[in-house]
Amino acid sequence: MTTTVSLSVLSAQLVLVTAMLAGCVSPEPRYYTLSQRPIIAATAAPAAKQGQEPVLIEVSPVRVPDRLNRANLLLNRGDSRLKVMEQDRWSAPFPDELRDALSQHLQASLNAVDIYHQGTSGNAPLYRVTVEVVRMDAELGGRADAIINWTVQRLPDSKVTSGRTQVELPTPGGLDSVVAAYQHIVIAAAADIATAIRTSQKISLISSETGNSLTRYNQYHVFPEKQEIS
């Protein structure tokens, strides 16, 4: 009888210890990404012709406020306080997530190759893209808003185009709605940058064609020599 009681007590203790250990185990973190299948708008560049060289671009590291320079998702609590989501994280530090997602969309919409990570020897980028996040915050059940400044530098002549993307989107659900809103913010910024690059390409093409036309005109037209009047 005594042996039976001791075994019962021991079994209960083992169950209690197991439950305590299970409670001490940290839950698995959940990972999110800003990258997704690029959405090609109707105004995007047509598919590259066979043999056409892609545009070489360089998307520089994205600058963000110090509070966003982390892997954890950060939420606005609506009372001038921020909440760090310990178990909800980006698949990479937030600045890297932004850079890679912007690069993905730009490469798809422009038929471009981002050589920032590739270290392509002997090839310099035609356009360098720099991005600075001024603000990018979200509140569960509220809104996500962002202000993103960017520049596009055409390296042959150092011509710079600057712009700002400002977006505000609802976040009616849980964290998935926040991530979806951030993904759409990235799409909007990439679309604005791509438009600036296309405009720069058109201006460059017009200037080149004008220069060629003048050259051909000068080749086939002989101008009378100036004569001095004595």
Protein backbone atom coordinates (compact mmCIF):
# COMPACT_ATOMS: atom_id res chain seq x y z
CA MET A 1 0.00 0.00 0.00
CA THR A 2 2.79 2.37 0.90
CA THR A 3 4.57 1.58 -2.35
CA THR A 4 1.44 2.35 -4.35
CA VAL A 5 1.02 5.76 -2.70
CA SER A 6 4.66 6.65 -3.29
CA LEU A 7 4.38 5.80 -6.98
CA SER A 8 1.23 7.91 -7.28
CA VAL A 9 2.94 10.86 -5.63
CA LEU A 10 5.98 10.41 -7.86
CA SER A 11 3.81 10.30 -10.97
CA ALA A 12 2.04 13.50 -9.93
CA GLN A 13 5.35 15.21 -9.32
CA LEU A 14 6.64 14.16 -12.73
CA VAL A 15 3.52 15.53 -14.41
CA LEU A 16 3.94 18.82 -12.51
CA VAL A 17 7.61 19.13 -13.45
CA THR A 18 6.85 18.37 -17.10
CA ALA A 19 4.15 21.04 -17.16
CA MET A 20 6.49 23.58 -15.58
CA LEU A 21 9.23 22.83 -18.09
CA ALA A 22 6.76 23.13 -20.95
CA GLY A 23 5.71 26.51 -19.63
CA CYS A 24 9.32 27.67 -19.53
CA VAL A 25 9.96 26.88 -23.20
CA SER A 26 9.82 30.05 -25.33
CA PRO A 27 7.35 29.95 -28.23
CA GLU A 28 8.78 29.73 -31.72
CA PRO A 29 9.24 33.18 -33.32
CA ARG A 30 7.12 34.06 -36.36
CA TYR A 31 8.96 35.50 -39.38
CA TYR A 32 7.63 37.92 -41.99
CA THR A 33 9.04 39.37 -45.18
CA LEU A 34 8.44 42.47 -47.30
CA SER A 35 9.38 40.61 -50.47
CA GLN A 36 6.61 39.20 -52.61
CA ARG A 37 5.91 38.47 -56.24
CA PRO A 38 6.35 41.81 -58.04
CA ILE A 39 3.19 43.32 -59.51
CA ILE A 40 3.94 44.60 -63.01
CA ALA A 41 1.75 47.56 -63.84
CA ALA A 42 0.34 48.20 -67.30
CA THR A 43 2.72 51.14 -67.65
CA ALA A 44 5.76 49.01 -66.90
CA ALA A 45 8.46 48.54 -69.47
CA PRO A 46 7.63 45.86 -72.06
CA ALA A 47 9.48 42.57 -71.93
CA ALA A 48 13.04 42.88 -73.06
CA LYS A 49 13.77 41.96 -76.63
CA GLN A 50 16.00 39.00 -77.19
CA GLY A 51 19.60 40.05 -76.82
CA GLN A 52 18.76 43.40 -75.23
CA GLU A 53 21.06 44.25 -72.36
CA PRO A 54 19.38 44.81 -68.98
CA VAL A 55 19.72 48.13 -67.21
CA LEU A 56 22.34 48.03 -64.48
CA ILE A 57 21.18 49.67 -61.26
CA GLU A 58 22.54 49.88 -57.75
CA VAL A 59 20.12 50.04 -54.84
CA SER A 60 22.11 51.35 -51.90
CA PRO A 61 21.41 50.34 -48.29
CA VAL A 62 18.26 51.98 -46.96
CA ARG A 63 18.56 54.49 -44.13
CA VAL A 64 15.91 54.19 -41.42
CA PRO A 65 15.27 55.83 -38.03
CA ASP A 66 17.12 54.15 -35.17
CA ARG A 67 13.92 52.71 -33.72
CA LEU A 68 13.33 50.73 -36.94
CA ASN A 69 16.86 49.41 -37.21
CA ARG A 70 15.97 45.99 -35.80
CA ALA A 71 14.58 42.62 -36.85
CA ASN A 72 11.55 42.75 -34.53
CA LEU A 73 8.30 44.26 -35.74
CA LEU A 74 7.54 47.55 -34.04
CA LEU A 75 3.98 48.75 -33.45
CA ASN A 76 2.55 52.09 -32.45
CA ARG A 77 0.28 51.62 -29.42
CA GLY A 78 -1.58 54.85 -30.10
CA ASP A 79 -0.63 56.46 -26.78
CA SER A 80 2.76 57.84 -27.83
CA ARG A 81 4.32 54.50 -26.93
CA LEU A 82 5.85 51.79 -29.08
CA LYS A 83 5.68 48.04 -28.62
CA VAL A 84 8.47 45.71 -29.71
CA MET A 85 7.03 42.39 -30.87
CA GLU A 86 9.47 39.89 -29.40
CA GLN A 87 8.11 36.85 -31.23
CA ASP A 88 7.23 38.57 -34.52
CA ARG A 89 10.26 39.34 -36.64
CA TRP A 90 11.33 40.23 -40.14
CA SER A 91 13.36 37.59 -41.93
CA ALA A 92 16.27 40.08 -41.88
CA PRO A 93 16.93 43.41 -40.16
CA PHE A 94 14.32 45.88 -41.35
CA PRO A 95 16.69 48.04 -43.49
CA ASP A 96 17.85 44.92 -45.36
CA GLU A 97 14.25 43.78 -45.86
CA LEU A 98 13.39 47.16 -47.38
CA ARG A 99 16.40 47.27 -49.67
CA ASP A 100 15.87 43.74 -50.98
CA ALA A 101 12.13 44.27 -51.55
CA LEU A 102 12.67 47.55 -53.40
CA SER A 103 15.40 45.94 -55.50
CA GLN A 104 13.12 43.02 -56.35
CA HIS A 105 10.36 45.29 -57.67
CA LEU A 106 12.71 47.60 -59.57
CA GLN A 107 14.46 44.72 -61.31
CA ALA A 108 11.15 43.21 -62.37
CA SER A 109 9.55 46.44 -63.64
CA LEU A 110 12.61 47.89 -65.40
CA ASN A 111 14.25 44.76 -66.81
CA ALA A 112 17.18 45.71 -64.60
CA VAL A 113 19.94 43.99 -62.68
CA ASP A 114 20.89 45.24 -59.24
CA ILE A 115 24.66 44.85 -58.99
CA TYR A 116 24.96 46.00 -55.37
CA HIS A 117 25.54 42.48 -54.02
CA GLN A 118 26.95 40.97 -57.19
CA GLY A 119 30.15 42.94 -57.48
CA THR A 120 29.99 42.75 -61.29
CA SER A 121 33.55 43.38 -62.39
CA GLY A 122 34.05 45.93 -65.13
CA ASN A 123 30.40 47.07 -65.10
CA ALA A 124 29.26 50.26 -63.43
CA PRO A 125 25.59 50.91 -62.69
CA LEU A 126 23.74 53.33 -64.92
CA TYR A 127 21.46 54.42 -62.09
CA ARG A 128 22.10 54.55 -58.36
CA VAL A 129 19.09 54.56 -56.05
CA THR A 130 19.26 55.87 -52.49
CA VAL A 131 16.34 55.66 -50.06
CA GLU A 132 15.72 57.18 -46.65
CA VAL A 133 12.72 56.29 -44.50
CA VAL A 134 11.52 59.37 -42.63
CA ARG A 135 8.56 57.60 -41.05
CA MET A 136 7.09 54.11 -41.24
CA ASP A 137 4.72 53.19 -38.42
CA ALA A 138 1.64 51.03 -37.95
CA GLU A 139 -1.07 50.49 -35.38
CA LEU A 140 -3.11 47.30 -35.07
CA GLY A 141 -6.70 47.98 -36.05
CA GLY A 142 -5.70 51.45 -37.21
CA ARG A 143 -3.48 52.63 -40.01
CA ALA A 144 0.02 52.26 -41.41
CA ASP A 145 1.69 55.35 -42.78
CA ALA A 146 5.05 56.03 -44.34
CA ILE A 147 7.12 58.91 -45.67
CA ILE A 148 10.01 57.76 -47.84
CA ASN A 149 12.50 60.07 -49.54
CA TRP A 150 14.49 58.76 -52.49
CA THR A 151 16.93 59.89 -55.16
CA VAL A 152 17.88 58.48 -58.54
CA GLN A 153 21.31 59.42 -59.84
CA ARG A 154 22.18 58.84 -63.50
CA LEU A 155 25.87 58.17 -63.23
CA PRO A 156 27.17 59.10 -66.70
CA ASP A 157 26.24 62.76 -66.18
CA SER A 158 25.48 62.73 -62.41
CA LYS A 159 21.97 64.05 -63.03
CA VAL A 160 19.89 63.54 -59.87
CA THR A 161 16.13 63.18 -59.56
CA SER A 162 14.62 63.42 -56.09
CA GLY A 163 11.19 62.43 -54.90
CA ARG A 164 9.04 61.50 -51.93
CA THR A 165 6.55 58.66 -51.53
CA GLN A 166 3.88 59.20 -48.90
CA VAL A 167 1.34 56.43 -48.23
CA GLU A 168 -1.35 55.79 -45.63
CA LEU A 169 -3.22 52.47 -45.54
CA PRO A 170 -5.69 50.79 -43.16
CA THR A 171 -4.63 47.87 -40.96
CA PRO A 172 -7.99 46.40 -39.94
CA GLY A 173 -6.79 42.98 -38.80
CA GLY A 174 -3.84 41.54 -36.95
CA LEU A 175 -0.15 41.57 -37.79
CA ASP A 176 -0.83 40.10 -41.23
CA SER A 177 -2.65 43.30 -42.17
CA VAL A 178 0.31 45.37 -40.99
CA VAL A 179 2.74 43.31 -43.07
CA ALA A 180 0.42 43.56 -46.10
CA ALA A 181 0.24 47.35 -45.69
CA TYR A 182 4.03 47.59 -45.50
CA GLN A 183 4.32 45.46 -48.64
CA HIS A 184 2.02 47.84 -50.51
CA ILE A 185 4.04 50.81 -49.25
CA VAL A 186 7.15 49.22 -50.74
CA ILE A 187 5.31 48.66 -54.03
CA ALA A 188 4.27 52.33 -54.13
CA ALA A 189 7.81 53.56 -53.45
CA ALA A 190 9.29 51.21 -56.06
CA ALA A 191 6.72 52.40 -58.63
CA ASP A 192 7.65 56.05 -58.02
CA ILE A 193 11.36 55.29 -58.34
CA ALA A 194 10.81 53.25 -61.49
CA THR A 195 8.85 56.13 -63.06
CA ALA A 196 11.74 58.50 -62.33
CA ILE A 197 14.20 56.10 -63.97
CA ARG A 198 12.00 55.67 -67.06
CA THR A 199 11.67 59.44 -67.40
CA SER A 200 15.45 59.77 -67.18
CA GLN A 201 15.84 57.07 -69.84
CA LYS A 202 13.48 58.92 -72.20
CA ILE A 203 15.30 62.22 -71.73
CA SER A 204 18.63 60.50 -72.36
CA LEU A 205 17.26 58.83 -75.51
CA ILE A 206 15.86 62.11 -76.87
CA SER A 207 19.17 63.88 -76.24
CA SER A 208 21.06 61.08 -77.97
CA GLU A 209 18.76 61.10 -81.00
CA THR A 210 18.97 64.89 -81.26
CA GLY A 211 22.75 64.72 -81.17
CA ASN A 212 22.83 62.04 -83.87
CA SER A 213 20.47 64.04 -86.07
CA LEU A 214 22.69 67.10 -85.85
CA THR A 215 25.74 65.02 -86.68
CA ARG A 216 24.06 63.55 -89.79
CA TYR A 217 22.86 67.00 -90.83
CA ASN A 218 26.36 68.43 -90.59
CA GLN A 219 27.75 65.50 -92.59
CA TYR A 220 25.46 66.06 -95.59
CA HIS A 221 25.23 69.85 -95.62
CA VAL A 222 28.11 72.06 -96.64
CA PHE A 223 27.95 75.47 -95.10
CA PRO A 224 29.33 78.40 -97.12
CA GLU A 225 32.59 79.74 -95.89
CA LYS A 226 32.50 83.16 -94.36
CA GLN A 227 34.14 85.79 -96.55
CA GLU A 228 35.80 88.83 -95.20
CA ILE A 229 34.60 92.11 -96.64
CA SER A 230 37.53 94.32 -97.49
